Amino acid sequence: MVIPLMLTEVLTLILLVYNMNRMDIALILSAIMLFAIWVITAVFFSGAHQKLTLGYDKSVVDGLIKINWSRTLLWTLRLILVATCL
């Protein structure tokens, strides 16, 4: 399940904002990236994974791999941004 991991992401973002006592531009960008990751996950991944429950489909898997690169890039950029805040 991805829900606990997604909740952990938002909780850590909230804790960072709370502990810093300010909204740094890096944290704002990090929040926007987190929202984008969630939208990509909801729009593309949920439906694709549902299709895969019916059986293996190479085109669906290939699509998941291509779309996942956008999430990987966003997570990497978020890591860099959050690291600059610490």
N, C-alpha and C. Protein backbone atom coordinates (compact mmCIF):
# COMPACT_ATOMS: atom_id res chain seq x y z
N MET A 1 0.83 -1.19 0.00
CA MET A 1 0.00 0.00 0.00
C MET A 1 0.87 1.25 0.00
N VAL A 2 0.50 2.19 -0.80
CA VAL A 2 1.26 3.43 -0.89
C VAL A 2 0.73 4.51 0.05
N ILE A 3 -0.47 4.35 0.55
CA ILE A 3 -1.06 5.39 1.39
C ILE A 3 -0.19 5.71 2.60
N PRO A 4 0.32 4.72 3.37
CA PRO A 4 1.17 5.08 4.51
C PRO A 4 2.42 5.87 4.10
N LEU A 5 3.00 5.52 2.96
CA LEU A 5 4.18 6.25 2.48
C LEU A 5 3.82 7.68 2.07
N MET A 6 2.68 7.84 1.44
CA MET A 6 2.25 9.17 1.04
C MET A 6 1.97 10.04 2.26
N LEU A 7 1.35 9.45 3.27
CA LEU A 7 1.08 10.19 4.50
C LEU A 7 2.39 10.55 5.21
N THR A 8 3.36 9.67 5.15
CA THR A 8 4.67 9.96 5.74
C THR A 8 5.32 11.15 5.03
N GLU A 9 5.18 11.21 3.71
CA GLU A 9 5.74 12.34 2.96
C GLU A 9 5.14 13.66 3.41
N VAL A 10 3.83 13.70 3.51
CA VAL A 10 3.19 14.96 3.89
C VAL A 10 3.47 15.29 5.36
N LEU A 11 3.54 14.29 6.20
CA LEU A 11 3.84 14.53 7.61
C LEU A 11 5.25 15.11 7.77
N THR A 12 6.21 14.58 7.05
CA THR A 12 7.57 15.11 7.15
C THR A 12 7.64 16.54 6.61
N LEU A 13 6.87 16.84 5.58
CA LEU A 13 6.82 18.20 5.07
C LEU A 13 6.25 19.14 6.12
N ILE A 14 5.18 18.72 6.77
CA ILE A 14 4.56 19.54 7.83
C ILE A 14 5.55 19.75 8.98
N LEU A 15 6.24 18.69 9.37
CA LEU A 15 7.22 18.80 10.46
C LEU A 15 8.36 19.75 10.09
N LEU A 16 8.82 19.70 8.85
CA LEU A 16 9.87 20.62 8.42
C LEU A 16 9.40 22.07 8.51
N VAL A 17 8.20 22.33 8.03
CA VAL A 17 7.66 23.70 8.09
C VAL A 17 7.52 24.14 9.54
N TYR A 18 7.00 23.28 10.37
CA TYR A 18 6.78 23.60 11.78
C TYR A 18 8.11 23.87 12.49
N ASN A 19 9.10 23.03 12.26
CA ASN A 19 10.39 23.18 12.94
C ASN A 19 11.19 24.37 12.44
N MET A 20 10.96 24.78 11.21
CA MET A 20 11.71 25.91 10.67
C MET A 20 11.05 27.24 11.01
N ASN A 21 9.80 27.21 11.42
CA ASN A 21 9.04 28.42 11.79
C ASN A 21 8.92 29.41 10.64
N ARG A 22 9.04 28.94 9.43
CA ARG A 22 8.88 29.81 8.26
C ARG A 22 8.66 28.93 7.03
N MET A 23 8.13 29.54 6.01
CA MET A 23 7.93 28.83 4.74
C MET A 23 9.02 29.28 3.77
N ASP A 24 10.07 28.52 3.70
CA ASP A 24 11.17 28.76 2.78
C ASP A 24 10.69 28.45 1.37
N ILE A 25 11.25 29.14 0.37
CA ILE A 25 10.87 28.88 -1.03
C ILE A 25 11.14 27.43 -1.40
N ALA A 26 12.18 26.85 -0.85
CA ALA A 26 12.49 25.44 -1.14
C ALA A 26 11.38 24.54 -0.61
N LEU A 27 10.82 24.87 0.55
CA LEU A 27 9.73 24.06 1.09
C LEU A 27 8.45 24.24 0.28
N ILE A 28 8.22 25.43 -0.19
CA ILE A 28 7.04 25.67 -1.03
C ILE A 28 7.16 24.86 -2.33
N LEU A 29 8.33 24.92 -2.95
CA LEU A 29 8.55 24.13 -4.17
C LEU A 29 8.44 22.64 -3.88
N SER A 30 8.95 22.22 -2.74
CA SER A 30 8.85 20.81 -2.35
C SER A 30 7.39 20.38 -2.20
N ALA A 31 6.57 21.25 -1.61
CA ALA A 31 5.15 20.95 -1.45
C ALA A 31 4.46 20.85 -2.82
N ILE A 32 4.81 21.73 -3.73
CA ILE A 32 4.24 21.70 -5.08
C ILE A 32 4.64 20.41 -5.78
N MET A 33 5.90 20.03 -5.63
CA MET A 33 6.36 18.78 -6.24
C MET A 33 5.66 17.57 -5.64
N LEU A 34 5.45 17.59 -4.33
CA LEU A 34 4.75 16.49 -3.68
C LEU A 34 3.33 16.38 -4.23
N PHE A 35 2.66 17.52 -4.38
CA PHE A 35 1.30 17.52 -4.94
C PHE A 35 1.32 16.96 -6.37
N ALA A 36 2.32 17.36 -7.16
CA ALA A 36 2.42 16.86 -8.54
C ALA A 36 2.64 15.35 -8.56
N ILE A 37 3.48 14.86 -7.66
CA ILE A 37 3.71 13.41 -7.57
C ILE A 37 2.41 12.70 -7.25
N TRP A 38 1.64 13.24 -6.32
CA TRP A 38 0.37 12.62 -5.94
C TRP A 38 -0.63 12.62 -7.10
N VAL A 39 -0.66 13.73 -7.85
CA VAL A 39 -1.58 13.81 -9.00
C VAL A 39 -1.17 12.78 -10.05
N ILE A 40 0.11 12.70 -10.35
CA ILE A 40 0.60 11.72 -11.33
C ILE A 40 0.24 10.31 -10.87
N THR A 41 0.44 10.04 -9.58
CA THR A 41 0.12 8.73 -9.04
C THR A 41 -1.36 8.42 -9.19
N ALA A 42 -2.20 9.37 -8.81
CA ALA A 42 -3.65 9.15 -8.86
C ALA A 42 -4.16 9.01 -10.29
N VAL A 43 -3.68 9.87 -11.18
CA VAL A 43 -4.21 9.89 -12.54
C VAL A 43 -3.70 8.72 -13.38
N PHE A 44 -2.41 8.43 -13.28
CA PHE A 44 -1.83 7.44 -14.18
C PHE A 44 -1.62 6.07 -13.55
N PHE A 45 -1.11 6.05 -12.34
CA PHE A 45 -0.68 4.77 -11.77
C PHE A 45 -1.84 3.93 -11.24
N SER A 46 -2.82 4.56 -10.63
CA SER A 46 -3.93 3.79 -10.08
C SER A 46 -4.65 3.00 -11.17
N GLY A 47 -4.97 3.65 -12.26
CA GLY A 47 -5.66 2.96 -13.36
C GLY A 47 -4.81 1.89 -14.01
N ALA A 48 -3.53 2.20 -14.18
CA ALA A 48 -2.64 1.23 -14.83
C ALA A 48 -2.47 -0.02 -13.96
N HIS A 49 -2.32 0.19 -12.66
CA HIS A 49 -2.19 -0.97 -11.77
C HIS A 49 -3.49 -1.78 -11.75
N GLN A 50 -4.61 -1.11 -11.87
CA GLN A 50 -5.89 -1.81 -11.93
C GLN A 50 -5.95 -2.69 -13.17
N LYS A 51 -5.46 -2.17 -14.30
CA LYS A 51 -5.43 -2.97 -15.53
C LYS A 51 -4.53 -4.19 -15.37
N LEU A 52 -3.43 -4.03 -14.65
CA LEU A 52 -2.50 -5.14 -14.48
C LEU A 52 -3.05 -6.23 -13.56
N THR A 53 -4.05 -5.92 -12.77
CA THR A 53 -4.67 -6.97 -11.94
C THR A 53 -5.41 -7.97 -12.82
N LEU A 54 -5.75 -7.56 -14.03
CA LEU A 54 -6.43 -8.45 -14.96
C LEU A 54 -5.46 -9.35 -15.71
N GLY A 55 -4.18 -9.01 -15.63
CA GLY A 55 -3.16 -9.80 -16.32
C GLY A 55 -2.06 -8.91 -16.85
N TYR A 56 -0.95 -9.53 -17.18
CA TYR A 56 0.21 -8.80 -17.68
C TYR A 56 -0.10 -8.18 -19.03
N ASP A 57 0.28 -6.92 -19.17
CA ASP A 57 0.11 -6.20 -20.43
C ASP A 57 1.37 -5.36 -20.63
N LYS A 58 2.19 -5.76 -21.60
CA LYS A 58 3.48 -5.10 -21.82
C LYS A 58 3.32 -3.61 -22.07
N SER A 59 2.30 -3.21 -22.80
CA SER A 59 2.13 -1.78 -23.09
C SER A 59 1.82 -0.99 -21.82
N VAL A 60 1.06 -1.59 -20.90
CA VAL A 60 0.76 -0.92 -19.63
C VAL A 60 2.04 -0.80 -18.80
N VAL A 61 2.82 -1.87 -18.74
CA VAL A 61 4.08 -1.85 -17.99
C VAL A 61 5.04 -0.82 -18.59
N ASP A 62 5.15 -0.80 -19.90
CA ASP A 62 6.02 0.18 -20.56
C ASP A 62 5.57 1.61 -20.25
N GLY A 63 4.26 1.82 -20.25
CA GLY A 63 3.73 3.14 -19.91
C GLY A 63 4.04 3.53 -18.47
N LEU A 64 3.92 2.57 -17.57
CA LEU A 64 4.24 2.83 -16.16
C LEU A 64 5.71 3.23 -16.00
N ILE A 65 6.57 2.53 -16.70
CA ILE A 65 8.01 2.83 -16.61
C ILE A 65 8.29 4.24 -17.11
N LYS A 66 7.71 4.60 -18.25
CA LYS A 66 7.93 5.94 -18.81
C LYS A 66 7.42 7.03 -17.87
N ILE A 67 6.21 6.86 -17.37
CA ILE A 67 5.62 7.87 -16.49
C ILE A 67 6.35 7.93 -15.15
N ASN A 68 6.87 6.80 -14.70
CA ASN A 68 7.55 6.78 -13.41
C ASN A 68 8.81 7.65 -13.41
N TRP A 69 9.41 7.86 -14.57
CA TRP A 69 10.59 8.72 -14.62
C TRP A 69 10.26 10.13 -14.17
N SER A 70 9.05 10.62 -14.45
CA SER A 70 8.67 11.95 -13.99
C SER A 70 8.60 11.99 -12.46
N ARG A 71 8.06 10.94 -11.86
CA ARG A 71 8.01 10.89 -10.40
C ARG A 71 9.41 10.77 -9.81
N THR A 72 10.25 9.96 -10.44
CA THR A 72 11.63 9.81 -9.96
C THR A 72 12.36 11.15 -9.98
N LEU A 73 12.20 11.90 -11.06
CA LEU A 73 12.81 13.22 -11.16
C LEU A 73 12.28 14.14 -10.07
N LEU A 74 10.97 14.16 -9.88
CA LEU A 74 10.39 15.03 -8.86
C LEU A 74 10.84 14.64 -7.46
N TRP A 75 10.89 13.35 -7.16
CA TRP A 75 11.36 12.91 -5.84
C TRP A 75 12.83 13.30 -5.63
N THR A 76 13.64 13.18 -6.67
CA THR A 76 15.05 13.55 -6.56
C THR A 76 15.20 15.05 -6.31
N LEU A 77 14.47 15.85 -7.05
CA LEU A 77 14.52 17.30 -6.85
C LEU A 77 14.01 17.67 -5.46
N ARG A 78 12.97 16.99 -4.99
CA ARG A 78 12.47 17.25 -3.63
C ARG A 78 13.53 16.94 -2.60
N LEU A 79 14.25 15.84 -2.77
CA LEU A 79 15.31 15.47 -1.85
C LEU A 79 16.36 16.58 -1.78
N ILE A 80 16.76 17.06 -2.94
CA ILE A 80 17.76 18.13 -2.98
C ILE A 80 17.23 19.39 -2.29
N LEU A 81 16.00 19.76 -2.58
CA LEU A 81 15.42 20.96 -1.97
C LEU A 81 15.32 20.83 -0.46
N VAL A 82 14.83 19.69 0.01
CA VAL A 82 14.67 19.48 1.44
C VAL A 82 16.05 19.46 2.12
N ALA A 83 17.03 18.87 1.46
CA ALA A 83 18.39 18.83 2.03
C ALA A 83 18.96 20.23 2.20
N THR A 84 18.60 21.13 1.30
CA THR A 84 19.09 22.51 1.43
C THR A 84 18.44 23.24 2.60
N CYS A 85 17.31 22.74 3.04
CA CYS A 85 16.59 23.37 4.16
C CYS A 85 17.13 22.92 5.53
N LEU A 86 17.83 21.83 5.54
CA LEU A 86 18.27 21.27 6.83
C LEU A 86 19.54 21.93 7.33
